Amino acid sequence: MKKLLLLLIGLVIGIAVTYYYLSTNQNLEEMTKPNGLITPTEIEALDQAYNSRHTIISDSLIKTPDNRSSWYSIDEIESYLTYAKKQANTLGYTLDGLRIYAGAHPDTKEGPGLMTMFFVPTGSKNVSEGSMLTTAQGGGNDIGGADGLNKGGKGDPPSANYPQ
C-alpha cells in the first residue's frame, strides 16, 4: 500500500511538472510578434535620416539643441490606455488606437519651447446595435474632446540620438 501511495504521488508530481513545462513552452511559441516591428538597424537608419531635419530646426528656428525623443513609463502608458478606453466610451467611441503627434511647447521667458511627442486616442463612433443602416467605418480617427498624453521625459541630453 505504501509503495502504491508513493507511486501515485510521483505520478501526480510528474504530471504537474510536465503540464507546467508544456504550458510554459506553448505560451512562448504562441507569442506572436506585433505588426510593424523594426530591427535595431532600421531604428538607427530612421534616426540618422532625421538628423538633417533636426539640425535645421535646432540651428535655424530655435537656435538651441532640441529634443529628439520622449520617454513614458509603462505604468503611465497602461494607465493612459485604461483612461482613454473609458473616456472614449463615455464620448460614444470605441478606442482602436493611439496617434503620436510631434509638437512643441510654447516659448517662455526662459527660452524656446522644445519639441515633444504626444498621444491622442483614435477610434470609431459607436452606432446603435439595432440600426438597419450599414456604415463603412474604418477606425483611426482622432476622438474629438478626448484627453491626450504628454509630459514624457526628455532624452539625456535632449538632443541625444538613438541609442541613449
C-alpha atoms as a PDB file:
ATOM      1  CA  MET A   1       0.000   0.000   0.000  1.00  0.00           C
ATOM      2  CA  LYS A   2       2.833   2.343   0.885  1.00  0.00           C
ATOM      3  CA  LYS A   3       4.503   1.723  -2.496  1.00  0.00           C
ATOM      4  CA  LEU A   4       1.246   2.374  -4.335  1.00  0.00           C
ATOM      5  CA  LEU A   5       0.797   5.680  -2.489  1.00  0.00           C
ATOM      6  CA  LEU A   6       4.368   6.759  -3.356  1.00  0.00           C
ATOM      7  CA  LEU A   7       3.778   5.747  -6.977  1.00  0.00           C
ATOM      8  CA  LEU A   8       0.586   7.844  -7.152  1.00  0.00           C
ATOM      9  CA  ILE A   9       2.301  10.871  -5.555  1.00  0.00           C
ATOM     10  CA  GLY A  10       5.187  10.536  -8.013  1.00  0.00           C
ATOM     11  CA  LEU A  11       2.744  10.261 -10.895  1.00  0.00           C
ATOM     12  CA  VAL A  12       0.838  13.398  -9.796  1.00  0.00           C
ATOM     13  CA  ILE A  13       4.081  15.362  -9.397  1.00  0.00           C
ATOM     14  CA  GLY A  14       5.287  14.161 -12.799  1.00  0.00           C
ATOM     15  CA  ILE A  15       2.031  15.192 -14.477  1.00  0.00           C
ATOM     16  CA  ALA A  16       2.125  18.612 -12.771  1.00  0.00           C
ATOM     17  CA  VAL A  17       5.730  19.261 -13.815  1.00  0.00           C
ATOM     18  CA  THR A  18       5.048  18.100 -17.376  1.00  0.00           C
ATOM     19  CA  TYR A  19       1.929  20.286 -17.601  1.00  0.00           C
ATOM     20  CA  TYR A  20       3.835  23.333 -16.307  1.00  0.00           C
ATOM     21  CA  TYR A  21       6.730  22.745 -18.718  1.00  0.00           C
ATOM     22  CA  LEU A  22       4.493  22.234 -21.736  1.00  0.00           C
ATOM     23  CA  SER A  23       2.224  25.186 -20.948  1.00  0.00           C
ATOM     24  CA  THR A  24       5.225  27.495 -20.489  1.00  0.00           C
ATOM     25  CA  ASN A  25       6.781  26.420 -23.801  1.00  0.00           C
ATOM     26  CA  GLN A  26       3.421  26.608 -25.567  1.00  0.00           C
ATOM     27  CA  ASN A  27       2.901  30.168 -24.281  1.00  0.00           C
ATOM     28  CA  LEU A  28       6.295  31.157 -25.653  1.00  0.00           C
ATOM     29  CA  GLU A  29       5.524  29.555 -29.018  1.00  0.00           C
ATOM     30  CA  GLU A  30       2.075  31.180 -29.174  1.00  0.00           C
ATOM     31  CA  MET A  31       3.511  34.640 -28.508  1.00  0.00           C
ATOM     32  CA  THR A  32       3.230  36.447 -31.815  1.00  0.00           C
ATOM     33  CA  LYS A  33       5.127  39.475 -32.934  1.00  0.00           C
ATOM     34  CA  PRO A  34       3.057  42.615 -33.439  1.00  0.00           C
ATOM     35  CA  ASN A  35       2.801  44.186 -36.883  1.00  0.00           C
ATOM     36  CA  GLY A  36       5.232  46.987 -37.591  1.00  0.00           C
ATOM     37  CA  LEU A  37       8.230  45.716 -35.643  1.00  0.00           C
ATOM     38  CA  ILE A  38      11.524  47.084 -36.896  1.00  0.00           C
ATOM     39  CA  THR A  39      15.047  45.943 -36.187  1.00  0.00           C
ATOM     40  CA  PRO A  40      17.652  47.975 -34.303  1.00  0.00           C
ATOM     41  CA  THR A  41      19.384  48.567 -37.661  1.00  0.00           C
ATOM     42  CA  GLU A  42      16.176  50.045 -39.075  1.00  0.00           C
ATOM     43  CA  ILE A  43      15.781  52.179 -35.938  1.00  0.00           C
ATOM     44  CA  GLU A  44      19.274  53.577 -36.441  1.00  0.00           C
ATOM     45  CA  ALA A  45      18.546  54.301 -40.127  1.00  0.00           C
ATOM     46  CA  LEU A  46      15.361  56.203 -39.264  1.00  0.00           C
ATOM     47  CA  ASP A  47      17.163  58.125 -36.532  1.00  0.00           C
ATOM     48  CA  GLN A  48      20.044  59.055 -38.835  1.00  0.00           C
ATOM     49  CA  ALA A  49      17.679  60.082 -41.644  1.00  0.00           C
ATOM     50  CA  TYR A  50      16.071  62.579 -39.262  1.00  0.00           C
ATOM     51  CA  ASN A  51      19.408  64.278 -38.443  1.00  0.00           C
ATOM     52  CA  SER A  52      19.257  66.878 -41.240  1.00  0.00           C
ATOM     53  CA  ARG A  53      15.721  67.928 -40.266  1.00  0.00           C
ATOM     54  CA  HIS A  54      16.681  68.107 -36.615  1.00  0.00           C
ATOM     55  CA  THR A  55      19.675  70.280 -37.466  1.00  0.00           C
ATOM     56  CA  ILE A  56      17.505  72.681 -39.499  1.00  0.00           C
ATOM     57  CA  ILE A  57      15.018  73.013 -36.649  1.00  0.00           C
ATOM     58  CA  SER A  58      17.668  73.411 -33.951  1.00  0.00           C
ATOM     59  CA  ASP A  59      20.007  75.740 -35.859  1.00  0.00           C
ATOM     60  CA  SER A  60      17.629  77.976 -37.773  1.00  0.00           C
ATOM     61  CA  LEU A  61      14.424  78.058 -35.772  1.00  0.00           C
ATOM     62  CA  ILE A  62      15.178  77.772 -32.076  1.00  0.00           C
ATOM     63  CA  LYS A  63      18.981  78.151 -32.016  1.00  0.00           C
ATOM     64  CA  THR A  64      19.424  75.511 -29.304  1.00  0.00           C
ATOM     65  CA  PRO A  65      19.602  71.708 -29.304  1.00  0.00           C
ATOM     66  CA  ASP A  66      16.013  70.465 -29.486  1.00  0.00           C
ATOM     67  CA  ASN A  67      14.518  67.264 -28.077  1.00  0.00           C
ATOM     68  CA  ARG A  68      14.910  64.114 -30.148  1.00  0.00           C
ATOM     69  CA  SER A  69      12.747  61.794 -28.066  1.00  0.00           C
ATOM     70  CA  SER A  70      10.129  61.494 -25.347  1.00  0.00           C
ATOM     71  CA  TRP A  71      10.108  58.782 -22.695  1.00  0.00           C
ATOM     72  CA  TYR A  72       6.999  57.363 -20.992  1.00  0.00           C
ATOM     73  CA  SER A  73       6.927  54.716 -18.282  1.00  0.00           C
ATOM     74  CA  ILE A  74       4.984  51.519 -18.859  1.00  0.00           C
ATOM     75  CA  ASP A  75       2.758  52.458 -15.899  1.00  0.00           C
ATOM     76  CA  GLU A  76       1.923  55.830 -17.495  1.00  0.00           C
ATOM     77  CA  ILE A  77       1.045  54.215 -20.825  1.00  0.00           C
ATOM     78  CA  GLU A  78      -1.033  51.413 -19.272  1.00  0.00           C
ATOM     79  CA  SER A  79      -2.852  53.904 -17.036  1.00  0.00           C
ATOM     80  CA  TYR A  80      -3.482  56.182 -20.003  1.00  0.00           C
ATOM     81  CA  LEU A  81      -4.847  53.309 -22.113  1.00  0.00           C
ATOM     82  CA  THR A  82      -7.308  52.394 -19.354  1.00  0.00           C
ATOM     83  CA  TYR A  83      -8.338  56.036 -19.003  1.00  0.00           C
ATOM     84  CA  ALA A  84      -8.606  56.580 -22.783  1.00  0.00           C
ATOM     85  CA  LYS A  85     -10.813  53.484 -23.225  1.00  0.00           C
ATOM     86  CA  LYS A  86     -13.220  54.713 -20.548  1.00  0.00           C
ATOM     87  CA  GLN A  87     -13.243  58.271 -21.869  1.00  0.00           C
ATOM     88  CA  ALA A  88     -13.758  57.130 -25.466  1.00  0.00           C
ATOM     89  CA  ASN A  89     -16.720  55.023 -24.356  1.00  0.00           C
ATOM     90  CA  THR A  90     -18.181  57.988 -22.449  1.00  0.00           C
ATOM     91  CA  LEU A  91     -17.819  60.128 -25.590  1.00  0.00           C
ATOM     92  CA  GLY A  92     -19.576  57.448 -27.690  1.00  0.00           C
ATOM     93  CA  TYR A  93     -16.481  55.951 -29.362  1.00  0.00           C
ATOM     94  CA  THR A  94     -14.650  52.658 -29.385  1.00  0.00           C
ATOM     95  CA  LEU A  95     -10.933  53.187 -28.843  1.00  0.00           C
ATOM     96  CA  ASP A  96      -8.942  51.469 -31.583  1.00  0.00           C
ATOM     97  CA  GLY A  97      -5.501  53.024 -31.304  1.00  0.00           C
ATOM     98  CA  LEU A  98      -3.289  55.961 -30.494  1.00  0.00           C
ATOM     99  CA  ARG A  99      -1.833  58.547 -32.831  1.00  0.00           C
ATOM    100  CA  ILE A 100       1.519  60.090 -31.936  1.00  0.00           C
ATOM    101  CA  TYR A 101       1.981  63.735 -32.867  1.00  0.00           C
ATOM    102  CA  ALA A 102       5.114  65.834 -32.866  1.00  0.00           C
ATOM    103  CA  GLY A 103       4.581  69.160 -31.131  1.00  0.00           C
ATOM    104  CA  ALA A 104       6.477  71.914 -29.380  1.00  0.00           C
ATOM    105  CA  HIS A 105       5.961  73.587 -26.042  1.00  0.00           C
ATOM    106  CA  PRO A 106       5.301  77.336 -26.253  1.00  0.00           C
ATOM    107  CA  ASP A 107       8.281  79.662 -25.903  1.00  0.00           C
ATOM    108  CA  THR A 108       8.766  81.117 -22.419  1.00  0.00           C
ATOM    109  CA  LYS A 109      10.941  83.808 -20.855  1.00  0.00           C
ATOM    110  CA  GLU A 110      13.445  81.055 -20.000  1.00  0.00           C
ATOM    111  CA  GLY A 111      13.868  80.058 -23.638  1.00  0.00           C
ATOM    112  CA  PRO A 112      12.329  78.415 -26.656  1.00  0.00           C
ATOM    113  CA  GLY A 113       9.791  75.647 -26.253  1.00  0.00           C
ATOM    114  CA  LEU A 114      11.349  72.315 -27.092  1.00  0.00           C
ATOM    115  CA  MET A 115       9.844  69.547 -29.182  1.00  0.00           C
ATOM    116  CA  THR A 116       7.599  66.963 -27.572  1.00  0.00           C
ATOM    117  CA  MET A 117       5.683  63.886 -28.698  1.00  0.00           C
ATOM    118  CA  PHE A 118       2.135  63.332 -27.506  1.00  0.00           C
ATOM    119  CA  PHE A 119      -0.512  60.639 -27.817  1.00  0.00           C
ATOM    120  CA  VAL A 120      -4.077  61.230 -28.980  1.00  0.00           C
ATOM    121  CA  PRO A 121      -6.700  58.475 -28.773  1.00  0.00           C
ATOM    122  CA  THR A 122      -8.307  57.306 -32.006  1.00  0.00           C
ATOM    123  CA  GLY A 123     -11.462  55.360 -32.581  1.00  0.00           C
ATOM    124  CA  SER A 124     -14.724  54.956 -34.354  1.00  0.00           C
ATOM    125  CA  LYS A 125     -18.101  56.351 -33.371  1.00  0.00           C
ATOM    126  CA  ASN A 126     -20.370  53.783 -31.757  1.00  0.00           C
ATOM    127  CA  VAL A 127     -23.536  53.101 -33.722  1.00  0.00           C
ATOM    128  CA  SER A 128     -26.770  51.703 -32.423  1.00  0.00           C
ATOM    129  CA  GLU A 129     -26.907  47.903 -32.493  1.00  0.00           C
ATOM    130  CA  GLY A 130     -30.427  47.948 -33.938  1.00  0.00           C
ATOM    131  CA  SER A 131     -29.540  50.156 -36.877  1.00  0.00           C
ATOM    132  CA  MET A 132     -30.548  48.892 -40.301  1.00  0.00           C
ATOM    133  CA  LEU A 133     -28.004  51.161 -41.979  1.00  0.00           C
ATOM    134  CA  THR A 134     -24.528  49.871 -42.557  1.00  0.00           C
ATOM    135  CA  THR A 135     -21.688  52.305 -42.337  1.00  0.00           C
ATOM    136  CA  ALA A 136     -18.188  51.826 -43.606  1.00  0.00           C
ATOM    137  CA  GLN A 137     -16.259  52.944 -40.591  1.00  0.00           C
ATOM    138  CA  GLY A 138     -12.548  52.459 -40.586  1.00  0.00           C
ATOM    139  CA  GLY A 139     -11.050  53.359 -37.239  1.00  0.00           C
ATOM    140  CA  GLY A 140      -8.143  55.590 -36.643  1.00  0.00           C
ATOM    141  CA  ASN A 141      -9.867  58.987 -36.488  1.00  0.00           C
ATOM    142  CA  ASP A 142      -8.853  61.252 -33.618  1.00  0.00           C
ATOM    143  CA  ILE A 143     -11.502  61.281 -30.913  1.00  0.00           C
ATOM    144  CA  GLY A 144     -12.556  64.908 -30.572  1.00  0.00           C
ATOM    145  CA  GLY A 145     -12.831  66.090 -26.992  1.00  0.00           C
ATOM    146  CA  ALA A 146     -10.657  63.276 -25.613  1.00  0.00           C
ATOM    147  CA  ASP A 147      -7.590  63.935 -23.461  1.00  0.00           C
ATOM    148  CA  GLY A 148      -4.134  63.232 -24.853  1.00  0.00           C
ATOM    149  CA  LEU A 149      -0.966  62.101 -23.084  1.00  0.00           C
ATOM    150  CA  ASN A 150       2.102  64.354 -22.962  1.00  0.00           C
ATOM    151  CA  LYS A 151       4.783  65.286 -20.477  1.00  0.00           C
ATOM    152  CA  GLY A 152       7.075  62.385 -21.264  1.00  0.00           C
ATOM    153  CA  GLY A 153      10.667  62.624 -20.137  1.00  0.00           C
ATOM    154  CA  LYS A 154      13.292  64.085 -22.469  1.00  0.00           C
ATOM    155  CA  GLY A 155      16.327  62.363 -23.793  1.00  0.00           C
ATOM    156  CA  ASP A 156      19.581  62.660 -21.905  1.00  0.00           C
ATOM    157  CA  PRO A 157      20.763  65.065 -23.196  1.00  0.00           C
ATOM    158  CA  PRO A 158      17.612  66.234 -25.007  1.00  0.00           C
ATOM    159  CA  SER A 159      19.309  66.197 -28.412  1.00  0.00           C
ATOM    160  CA  ALA A 160      20.775  62.681 -27.991  1.00  0.00           C
ATOM    161  CA  ASN A 161      20.414  60.255 -30.905  1.00  0.00           C
ATOM    162  CA  TYR A 162      19.438  56.602 -30.727  1.00  0.00           C
ATOM    163  CA  PRO A 163      20.540  54.681 -28.706  1.00  0.00           C
ATOM    164  CA  GLN A 164      20.621  56.572 -25.405  1.00  0.00           C
END
